[in-house]
C-alpha atoms as a PDB file:
ATOM      1  CA  MET A   1      74.619  98.149 109.570  1.00  0.00           C
ATOM      2  CA  ASN A   2      77.266 100.660 111.212  1.00  0.00           C
ATOM      3  CA  GLU A   3      78.187  98.568 113.970  1.00  0.00           C
ATOM      4  CA  LEU A   4      78.635  95.782 111.819  1.00  0.00           C
ATOM      5  CA  LEU A   5      81.134  97.853 109.695  1.00  0.00           C
ATOM      6  CA  PHE A   6      83.251  99.190 112.393  1.00  0.00           C
ATOM      7  CA  TYR A   7      83.508  95.693 113.880  1.00  0.00           C
ATOM      8  CA  SER A   8      84.497  94.395 110.938  1.00  0.00           C
ATOM      9  CA  ILE A   9      87.303  97.355 110.434  1.00  0.00           C
ATOM     10  CA  LEU A  10      88.619  96.351 113.782  1.00  0.00           C
ATOM     11  CA  PHE A  11      88.761  92.704 113.139  1.00  0.00           C
ATOM     12  CA  VAL A  12      91.091  93.784 110.202  1.00  0.00           C
ATOM     13  CA  ILE A  13      93.235  95.859 112.333  1.00  0.00           C
ATOM     14  CA  VAL A  14      93.644  93.098 115.169  1.00  0.00           C
ATOM     15  CA  ILE A  15      94.585  90.612 112.427  1.00  0.00           C
ATOM     16  CA  GLY A  16      96.797  92.709 110.903  1.00  0.00           C
ATOM     17  CA  HIS A  17      98.609  94.077 113.819  1.00  0.00           C
ATOM     18  CA  ALA A  18      98.914  89.793 115.074  1.00  0.00           C
ATOM     19  CA  ILE A  19     100.699  89.020 111.755  1.00  0.00           C
ATOM     20  CA  ALA A  20     103.224  92.032 111.652  1.00  0.00           C
ATOM     21  CA  ALA A  21     103.835  91.052 115.296  1.00  0.00           C
ATOM     22  CA  PHE A  22     104.387  87.554 113.841  1.00  0.00           C
ATOM     23  CA  ARG A  23     106.417  88.579 111.316  1.00  0.00           C
ATOM     24  CA  MET A  24     108.910  90.392 113.671  1.00  0.00           C
ATOM     25  CA  TYR A  25     108.998  87.889 116.174  1.00  0.00           C
ATOM     26  CA  ARG A  26     109.994  85.272 113.021  1.00  0.00           C
ATOM     27  CA  GLU A  27     112.964  87.626 112.265  1.00  0.00           C
ATOM     28  CA  VAL A  28     113.840  88.006 115.593  1.00  0.00           C
ATOM     29  CA  ASN A  29     114.358  84.611 116.455  1.00  0.00           C
ATOM     30  CA  ALA A  30     116.275  83.853 113.686  1.00  0.00           C
ATOM     31  CA  ASP A  31     118.797  86.688 114.238  1.00  0.00           C
ATOM     32  CA  SER A  32     121.404  84.243 116.007  1.00  0.00           C
ATOM     33  CA  GLY A  33     123.779  87.583 116.867  1.00  0.00           C
ATOM     34  CA  MET A  34     121.515  89.017 119.779  1.00  0.00           C
ATOM     35  CA  SER A  35     121.468  87.800 123.061  1.00  0.00           C
ATOM     36  CA  PHE A  36     118.283  86.662 124.871  1.00  0.00           C
ATOM     37  CA  HIS A  37     117.490  89.966 126.203  1.00  0.00           C
ATOM     38  CA  GLU A  38     117.934  91.759 123.298  1.00  0.00           C
ATOM     39  CA  LYS A  39     115.456  89.285 121.734  1.00  0.00           C
ATOM     40  CA  ASN A  40     112.720  89.934 124.261  1.00  0.00           C
ATOM     41  CA  ASN A  41     113.506  93.914 124.033  1.00  0.00           C
ATOM     42  CA  TRP A  42     112.428  93.636 120.486  1.00  0.00           C
ATOM     43  CA  LYS A  43     109.802  91.321 121.177  1.00  0.00           C
ATOM     44  CA  LEU A  44     107.835  93.530 123.653  1.00  0.00           C
ATOM     45  CA  LYS A  45     108.350  96.061 120.954  1.00  0.00           C
ATOM     46  CA  ALA A  46     106.760  94.299 118.402  1.00  0.00           C
ATOM     47  CA  LEU A  47     103.502  94.247 121.163  1.00  0.00           C
ATOM     48  CA  ILE A  48     103.307  97.769 120.926  1.00  0.00           C
ATOM     49  CA  SER A  49     103.352  98.672 117.419  1.00  0.00           C
ATOM     50  CA  PRO A  50     105.060  96.037 115.463  1.00  0.00           C
ATOM     51  CA  LEU A  51     105.479  97.318 111.704  1.00  0.00           C
ATOM     52  CA  ILE A  52     107.334 100.998 113.166  1.00  0.00           C
ATOM     53  CA  PHE A  53     109.700  98.585 115.181  1.00  0.00           C
ATOM     54  CA  LEU A  54     110.462  96.311 112.527  1.00  0.00           C
ATOM     55  CA  SER A  55     111.534  99.157 110.144  1.00  0.00           C
ATOM     56  CA  TYR A  56     113.817 100.017 113.698  1.00  0.00           C
ATOM     57  CA  TYR A  57     114.702  96.523 113.766  1.00  0.00           C
ATOM     58  CA  ARG A  58     116.316  96.346 110.573  1.00  0.00           C
ATOM     59  CA  GLN A  59     117.757  99.640 110.785  1.00  0.00           C
ATOM     60  CA  ASP A  60     119.848  98.100 113.914  1.00  0.00           C
ATOM     61  CA  LYS A  61     120.593  94.818 111.891  1.00  0.00           C
ATOM     62  CA  ARG A  62     121.985  96.414 109.147  1.00  0.00           C
ATOM     63  CA  ARG A  63     124.074  99.373 111.425  1.00  0.00           C
ATOM     64  CA  ARG A  64     125.128  95.993 113.305  1.00  0.00           C
ATOM     65  CA  ASN A  65     126.083  94.031 110.080  1.00  0.00           C
ATOM     66  CA  ARG A  66     128.163  97.101 109.005  1.00  0.00           C
ATOM     67  CA  GLY A  67     130.421  96.793 112.152  1.00  0.00           C
ATOM     68  CA  GLU A  68     129.144  99.959 113.395  1.00  0.00           C
END
């Protein structure tokens, strides 16, 4: 029973990670103001921790849009 609980929690974590990475990939691909290399850099960061780097990406995007 403990094994089943462990694997189900692990499965939910992996699926959540994949969904968050997919959201970040879509958001980065939709940004036309970045070069190919910048997009790839953000996508690679999404593989590490998509929720953390998604917030960093949005902060960077806000900063770029304000012209700083």
